[in-house]
Amino acid sequence: MGNREDLLAGARQVILERGVAKATARDIAAAAGVSLAAIGYHFGSKEELISAALTESLGTGIGDAMEAVVDETAALPLIAGFTAMFDRMPEIFASNREELFASLENSVRVARDKSGSEALVDAVGQAHLGIVEVLRKARPDLADADLDAIAKLEFVIVQSLGLLWIISPESLPTGEELARAVSAIASDGGATVAG
């Protein structure tokens, strides 16, 4: 690995051991086996490094698990794949518990002082585009506008469910409940979508 990758790995290690608030630049550099100056060189600040490390970690853990569900359900009707995705989210969140907690902690920190916001804003855009690409591969027949809309909906629901799971895991709606709501909205004969 290069210094950049070592720093990302070191940051993830320190964050998971101590939390975002207690992660120091010195501890991260030591865990990565690089100089303290490498943080500034590769990321600009410790805060940007932390945001990048958490984004990558969640993208790998939660993103890869979501991609597996999309691949597994590609032959099913779209609503069945949607149902399966959100039925699996509690298990996916549980497998990525510490990363999810650290990400929430980092999001609150960024919202309060904007340090690390560039990496976080970029991550949101990348997450959406990542979902589009996964869906496009699994469902090449969908129009680009539909892929984009589904990806945005799934991203928003995953973010909301992640927060709800942290607060009250037993309160999560099932995939079937979410799919029922989407179907009911879509079947409203009086409503049309421009576009």
C-alpha atoms as a PDB file:
ATOM      1  CA  MET A   1       0.000   0.000   0.000  1.00  0.00           C
ATOM      2  CA  GLY A   2       1.010   3.637  -0.447  1.00  0.00           C
ATOM      3  CA  ASN A   3       0.898   6.335   2.200  1.00  0.00           C
ATOM      4  CA  ARG A   4      -2.614   7.395   1.178  1.00  0.00           C
ATOM      5  CA  GLU A   5      -4.033   3.890   1.566  1.00  0.00           C
ATOM      6  CA  ASP A   6      -2.075   3.380   4.787  1.00  0.00           C
ATOM      7  CA  LEU A   7      -3.587   6.573   6.181  1.00  0.00           C
ATOM      8  CA  LEU A   8      -7.114   5.477   5.276  1.00  0.00           C
ATOM      9  CA  ALA A   9      -6.547   2.124   6.975  1.00  0.00           C
ATOM     10  CA  GLY A  10      -4.926   3.770  10.000  1.00  0.00           C
ATOM     11  CA  ALA A  11      -7.773   6.252  10.325  1.00  0.00           C
ATOM     12  CA  ARG A  12     -10.395   3.481  10.178  1.00  0.00           C
ATOM     13  CA  GLN A  13      -8.516   1.536  12.848  1.00  0.00           C
ATOM     14  CA  VAL A  14      -8.203   4.510  15.210  1.00  0.00           C
ATOM     15  CA  ILE A  15     -11.798   5.644  14.649  1.00  0.00           C
ATOM     16  CA  LEU A  16     -13.210   2.194  15.376  1.00  0.00           C
ATOM     17  CA  GLU A  17     -11.048   1.845  18.485  1.00  0.00           C
ATOM     18  CA  ARG A  18     -11.563   5.334  19.935  1.00  0.00           C
ATOM     19  CA  GLY A  19     -14.365   7.079  18.050  1.00  0.00           C
ATOM     20  CA  VAL A  20     -14.185  10.150  15.837  1.00  0.00           C
ATOM     21  CA  ALA A  21     -13.906  12.679  18.671  1.00  0.00           C
ATOM     22  CA  LYS A  22     -10.862  10.974  20.218  1.00  0.00           C
ATOM     23  CA  ALA A  23      -9.045  10.192  16.961  1.00  0.00           C
ATOM     24  CA  THR A  24      -5.907  12.339  16.863  1.00  0.00           C
ATOM     25  CA  ALA A  25      -3.754  13.005  13.833  1.00  0.00           C
ATOM     26  CA  ARG A  26      -0.751  11.652  15.716  1.00  0.00           C
ATOM     27  CA  ASP A  27      -2.555   8.378  16.529  1.00  0.00           C
ATOM     28  CA  ILE A  28      -3.691   7.978  12.920  1.00  0.00           C
ATOM     29  CA  ALA A  29      -0.191   8.613  11.543  1.00  0.00           C
ATOM     30  CA  ALA A  30       1.264   6.118  14.038  1.00  0.00           C
ATOM     31  CA  ALA A  31      -1.315   3.465  13.135  1.00  0.00           C
ATOM     32  CA  ALA A  32      -0.562   4.052   9.454  1.00  0.00           C
ATOM     33  CA  GLY A  33       3.200   3.975   9.982  1.00  0.00           C
ATOM     34  CA  VAL A  34       3.678   7.298   8.203  1.00  0.00           C
ATOM     35  CA  SER A  35       4.699  10.818   9.170  1.00  0.00           C
ATOM     36  CA  LEU A  36       2.223  13.308  10.558  1.00  0.00           C
ATOM     37  CA  ALA A  37       2.889  15.539   7.531  1.00  0.00           C
ATOM     38  CA  ALA A  38       1.514  12.834   5.222  1.00  0.00           C
ATOM     39  CA  ILE A  39      -2.009  13.602   6.442  1.00  0.00           C
ATOM     40  CA  GLY A  40      -1.786  17.190   5.214  1.00  0.00           C
ATOM     41  CA  TYR A  41      -0.104  16.166   1.989  1.00  0.00           C
ATOM     42  CA  HIS A  42      -2.669  13.523   1.007  1.00  0.00           C
ATOM     43  CA  PHE A  43      -5.874  14.860   2.582  1.00  0.00           C
ATOM     44  CA  GLY A  44      -5.343  18.474   3.607  1.00  0.00           C
ATOM     45  CA  SER A  45      -6.521  17.870   7.168  1.00  0.00           C
ATOM     46  CA  LYS A  46      -7.274  15.159   9.696  1.00  0.00           C
ATOM     47  CA  GLU A  47     -10.994  15.925   9.306  1.00  0.00           C
ATOM     48  CA  GLU A  48     -10.937  15.321   5.542  1.00  0.00           C
ATOM     49  CA  LEU A  49      -9.017  12.070   6.145  1.00  0.00           C
ATOM     50  CA  ILE A  50     -11.598  10.907   8.688  1.00  0.00           C
ATOM     51  CA  SER A  51     -14.479  11.653   6.329  1.00  0.00           C
ATOM     52  CA  ALA A  52     -12.723   9.857   3.474  1.00  0.00           C
ATOM     53  CA  ALA A  53     -11.888   6.835   5.649  1.00  0.00           C
ATOM     54  CA  LEU A  54     -15.457   6.478   6.913  1.00  0.00           C
ATOM     55  CA  THR A  55     -16.931   6.952   3.465  1.00  0.00           C
ATOM     56  CA  GLU A  56     -14.708   4.272   2.017  1.00  0.00           C
ATOM     57  CA  SER A  57     -15.407   1.909   4.904  1.00  0.00           C
ATOM     58  CA  LEU A  58     -19.189   2.274   4.672  1.00  0.00           C
ATOM     59  CA  GLY A  59     -19.072   2.174   0.892  1.00  0.00           C
ATOM     60  CA  THR A  60     -17.265  -1.121   1.079  1.00  0.00           C
ATOM     61  CA  GLY A  61     -19.321  -2.648   3.898  1.00  0.00           C
ATOM     62  CA  ILE A  62     -22.828  -1.386   3.256  1.00  0.00           C
ATOM     63  CA  GLY A  63     -22.351  -0.641  -0.445  1.00  0.00           C
ATOM     64  CA  ASP A  64     -20.968  -4.075  -1.276  1.00  0.00           C
ATOM     65  CA  ALA A  65     -23.739  -5.781   0.699  1.00  0.00           C
ATOM     66  CA  MET A  66     -26.389  -3.744  -1.132  1.00  0.00           C
ATOM     67  CA  GLU A  67     -24.774  -4.570  -4.468  1.00  0.00           C
ATOM     68  CA  ALA A  68     -24.943  -8.280  -3.607  1.00  0.00           C
ATOM     69  CA  VAL A  69     -28.699  -7.984  -2.955  1.00  0.00           C
ATOM     70  CA  VAL A  70     -29.220  -6.155  -6.269  1.00  0.00           C
ATOM     71  CA  ASP A  71     -27.278  -8.892  -8.078  1.00  0.00           C
ATOM     72  CA  GLU A  72     -29.207 -11.659  -6.291  1.00  0.00           C
ATOM     73  CA  THR A  73     -32.563 -10.121  -7.202  1.00  0.00           C
ATOM     74  CA  ALA A  74     -31.807  -8.928 -10.749  1.00  0.00           C
ATOM     75  CA  ALA A  75     -34.125 -11.532 -12.291  1.00  0.00           C
ATOM     76  CA  LEU A  76     -37.038 -10.622 -10.018  1.00  0.00           C
ATOM     77  CA  PRO A  77     -39.539  -7.835 -10.652  1.00  0.00           C
ATOM     78  CA  LEU A  78     -38.127  -4.479  -9.563  1.00  0.00           C
ATOM     79  CA  ILE A  79     -40.503  -4.160  -6.604  1.00  0.00           C
ATOM     80  CA  ALA A  80     -39.436  -7.610  -5.335  1.00  0.00           C
ATOM     81  CA  GLY A  81     -35.795  -6.532  -5.484  1.00  0.00           C
ATOM     82  CA  PHE A  82     -36.681  -3.345  -3.602  1.00  0.00           C
ATOM     83  CA  THR A  83     -38.488  -5.405  -0.941  1.00  0.00           C
ATOM     84  CA  ALA A  84     -35.539  -7.784  -0.560  1.00  0.00           C
ATOM     85  CA  MET A  85     -33.097  -4.883  -0.276  1.00  0.00           C
ATOM     86  CA  PHE A  86     -34.898  -3.268   2.613  1.00  0.00           C
ATOM     87  CA  ASP A  87     -35.650  -6.555   4.348  1.00  0.00           C
ATOM     88  CA  ARG A  88     -31.868  -7.127   4.449  1.00  0.00           C
ATOM     89  CA  MET A  89     -30.877  -3.662   5.700  1.00  0.00           C
ATOM     90  CA  PRO A  90     -31.081  -4.491   9.432  1.00  0.00           C
ATOM     91  CA  GLU A  91     -28.629  -7.346   8.910  1.00  0.00           C
ATOM     92  CA  ILE A  92     -26.375  -5.118   6.781  1.00  0.00           C
ATOM     93  CA  PHE A  93     -26.444  -2.367   9.411  1.00  0.00           C
ATOM     94  CA  ALA A  94     -25.648  -4.863  12.171  1.00  0.00           C
ATOM     95  CA  SER A  95     -22.629  -6.101  10.190  1.00  0.00           C
ATOM     96  CA  ASN A  96     -21.377  -2.514   9.897  1.00  0.00           C
ATOM     97  CA  ARG A  97     -22.453  -1.263  13.326  1.00  0.00           C
ATOM     98  CA  GLU A  98     -19.292   0.522  14.444  1.00  0.00           C
ATOM     99  CA  GLU A  99     -18.724   2.147  11.049  1.00  0.00           C
ATOM    100  CA  LEU A 100     -22.333   3.361  11.064  1.00  0.00           C
ATOM    101  CA  PHE A 101     -21.927   4.882  14.534  1.00  0.00           C
ATOM    102  CA  ALA A 102     -18.653   6.558  13.553  1.00  0.00           C
ATOM    103  CA  SER A 103     -20.215   7.899  10.357  1.00  0.00           C
ATOM    104  CA  LEU A 104     -23.083   9.452  12.295  1.00  0.00           C
ATOM    105  CA  GLU A 105     -20.627  10.977  14.756  1.00  0.00           C
ATOM    106  CA  ASN A 106     -18.596  12.391  11.870  1.00  0.00           C
ATOM    107  CA  SER A 107     -21.697  13.756  10.111  1.00  0.00           C
ATOM    108  CA  VAL A 108     -22.715  15.664  13.229  1.00  0.00           C
ATOM    109  CA  ARG A 109     -19.153  16.988  13.599  1.00  0.00           C
ATOM    110  CA  VAL A 110     -19.094  18.162   9.978  1.00  0.00           C
ATOM    111  CA  ALA A 111     -22.526  19.786  10.291  1.00  0.00           C
ATOM    112  CA  ARG A 112     -21.314  21.755  13.312  1.00  0.00           C
ATOM    113  CA  ASP A 113     -17.965  23.029  12.037  1.00  0.00           C
ATOM    114  CA  LYS A 114     -17.721  22.074   8.340  1.00  0.00           C
ATOM    115  CA  SER A 115     -14.280  20.450   8.772  1.00  0.00           C
ATOM    116  CA  GLY A 116     -14.229  17.449   6.513  1.00  0.00           C
ATOM    117  CA  SER A 117     -17.278  18.638   4.592  1.00  0.00           C
ATOM    118  CA  GLU A 118     -15.627  18.450   1.173  1.00  0.00           C
ATOM    119  CA  ALA A 119     -15.014  14.711   1.498  1.00  0.00           C
ATOM    120  CA  LEU A 120     -18.500  14.140   2.890  1.00  0.00           C
ATOM    121  CA  VAL A 121     -20.257  16.114   0.143  1.00  0.00           C
ATOM    122  CA  ASP A 122     -18.232  14.277  -2.487  1.00  0.00           C
ATOM    123  CA  ALA A 123     -19.108  10.964  -0.843  1.00  0.00           C
ATOM    124  CA  VAL A 124     -22.839  11.654  -1.092  1.00  0.00           C
ATOM    125  CA  GLY A 125     -22.544  12.211  -4.835  1.00  0.00           C
ATOM    126  CA  GLN A 126     -20.362   9.159  -5.273  1.00  0.00           C
ATOM    127  CA  ALA A 127     -22.760   6.968  -3.282  1.00  0.00           C
ATOM    128  CA  HIS A 128     -25.667   7.972  -5.497  1.00  0.00           C
ATOM    129  CA  LEU A 129     -23.647   7.340  -8.658  1.00  0.00           C
ATOM    130  CA  GLY A 130     -22.490   4.006  -7.263  1.00  0.00           C
ATOM    131  CA  ILE A 131     -26.081   2.895  -6.780  1.00  0.00           C
ATOM    132  CA  VAL A 132     -26.917   4.011 -10.347  1.00  0.00           C
ATOM    133  CA  GLU A 133     -24.086   1.872 -11.741  1.00  0.00           C
ATOM    134  CA  VAL A 134     -25.066  -1.191  -9.709  1.00  0.00           C
ATOM    135  CA  LEU A 135     -28.677  -0.861 -10.871  1.00  0.00           C
ATOM    136  CA  ARG A 136     -27.632  -0.236 -14.488  1.00  0.00           C
ATOM    137  CA  LYS A 137     -25.584  -3.442 -14.508  1.00  0.00           C
ATOM    138  CA  ALA A 138     -28.417  -5.494 -12.987  1.00  0.00           C
ATOM    139  CA  ARG A 139     -31.263  -3.863 -14.912  1.00  0.00           C
ATOM    140  CA  PRO A 140     -29.941  -2.540 -18.235  1.00  0.00           C
ATOM    141  CA  ASP A 141     -33.498  -2.155 -19.567  1.00  0.00           C
ATOM    142  CA  LEU A 142     -34.289   0.774 -17.227  1.00  0.00           C
ATOM    143  CA  ALA A 143     -34.137   4.317 -18.591  1.00  0.00           C
ATOM    144  CA  ASP A 144     -31.412   6.575 -17.200  1.00  0.00           C
ATOM    145  CA  ALA A 145     -33.964   8.876 -15.539  1.00  0.00           C
ATOM    146  CA  ASP A 146     -35.566   5.865 -13.811  1.00  0.00           C
ATOM    147  CA  LEU A 147     -32.176   4.537 -12.664  1.00  0.00           C
ATOM    148  CA  ASP A 148     -31.310   7.958 -11.258  1.00  0.00           C
ATOM    149  CA  ALA A 149     -34.648   8.298  -9.449  1.00  0.00           C
ATOM    150  CA  ILE A 150     -34.478   4.791  -7.953  1.00  0.00           C
ATOM    151  CA  ALA A 151     -30.879   5.338  -6.833  1.00  0.00           C
ATOM    152  CA  LYS A 152     -31.816   8.615  -5.124  1.00  0.00           C
ATOM    153  CA  LEU A 153     -34.798   6.992  -3.397  1.00  0.00           C
ATOM    154  CA  GLU A 154     -32.733   4.032  -2.199  1.00  0.00           C
ATOM    155  CA  PHE A 155     -29.936   6.318  -0.983  1.00  0.00           C
ATOM    156  CA  VAL A 156     -32.351   8.489   1.008  1.00  0.00           C
ATOM    157  CA  ILE A 157     -34.121   5.472   2.491  1.00  0.00           C
ATOM    158  CA  VAL A 158     -30.827   3.784   3.465  1.00  0.00           C
ATOM    159  CA  GLN A 159     -29.587   6.975   5.141  1.00  0.00           C
ATOM    160  CA  SER A 160     -32.853   7.380   7.046  1.00  0.00           C
ATOM    161  CA  LEU A 161     -33.034   3.732   8.035  1.00  0.00           C
ATOM    162  CA  GLY A 162     -29.410   3.819   9.199  1.00  0.00           C
ATOM    163  CA  LEU A 163     -30.217   6.615  11.632  1.00  0.00           C
ATOM    164  CA  LEU A 164     -33.432   4.927  12.757  1.00  0.00           C
ATOM    165  CA  TRP A 165     -31.568   1.622  13.213  1.00  0.00           C
ATOM    166  CA  ILE A 166     -29.051   3.331  15.517  1.00  0.00           C
ATOM    167  CA  ILE A 167     -31.842   4.841  17.624  1.00  0.00           C
ATOM    168  CA  SER A 168     -34.403   2.034  17.594  1.00  0.00           C
ATOM    169  CA  PRO A 169     -33.598  -1.068  15.512  1.00  0.00           C
ATOM    170  CA  GLU A 170     -36.988  -2.622  16.202  1.00  0.00           C
ATOM    171  CA  SER A 171     -38.717   0.406  14.623  1.00  0.00           C
ATOM    172  CA  LEU A 172     -37.464  -0.227  11.090  1.00  0.00           C
ATOM    173  CA  PRO A 173     -40.191  -0.824   8.551  1.00  0.00           C
ATOM    174  CA  THR A 174     -39.939  -4.057   6.580  1.00  0.00           C
ATOM    175  CA  GLY A 175     -39.116  -4.134   2.916  1.00  0.00           C
ATOM    176  CA  GLU A 176     -42.682  -5.231   2.283  1.00  0.00           C
ATOM    177  CA  GLU A 177     -44.069  -2.196   4.116  1.00  0.00           C
ATOM    178  CA  LEU A 178     -41.853   0.160   2.131  1.00  0.00           C
ATOM    179  CA  ALA A 179     -42.704  -1.580  -1.140  1.00  0.00           C
ATOM    180  CA  ARG A 180     -46.426  -1.363  -0.290  1.00  0.00           C
ATOM    181  CA  ALA A 181     -46.072   2.382   0.231  1.00  0.00           C
ATOM    182  CA  VAL A 182     -44.200   2.861  -3.063  1.00  0.00           C
ATOM    183  CA  SER A 183     -46.766   0.724  -4.912  1.00  0.00           C
ATOM    184  CA  ALA A 184     -49.693   2.599  -3.378  1.00  0.00           C
ATOM    185  CA  ILE A 185     -48.189   5.942  -4.362  1.00  0.00           C
ATOM    186  CA  ALA A 186     -47.433   4.679  -7.888  1.00  0.00           C
ATOM    187  CA  SER A 187     -50.926   3.241  -8.376  1.00  0.00           C
ATOM    188  CA  ASP A 188     -52.696   6.487  -7.509  1.00  0.00           C
ATOM    189  CA  GLY A 189     -54.549   6.931 -10.803  1.00  0.00           C
ATOM    190  CA  GLY A 190     -54.958  10.689 -10.413  1.00  0.00           C
ATOM    191  CA  ALA A 191     -51.275  11.417 -10.093  1.00  0.00           C
ATOM    192  CA  THR A 192     -48.804  11.723 -12.912  1.00  0.00           C
ATOM    193  CA  VAL A 193     -45.124  12.455 -12.929  1.00  0.00           C
ATOM    194  CA  ALA A 194     -43.797  15.042 -15.333  1.00  0.00           C
ATOM    195  CA  GLY A 195     -40.754  14.027 -17.258  1.00  0.00           C
END
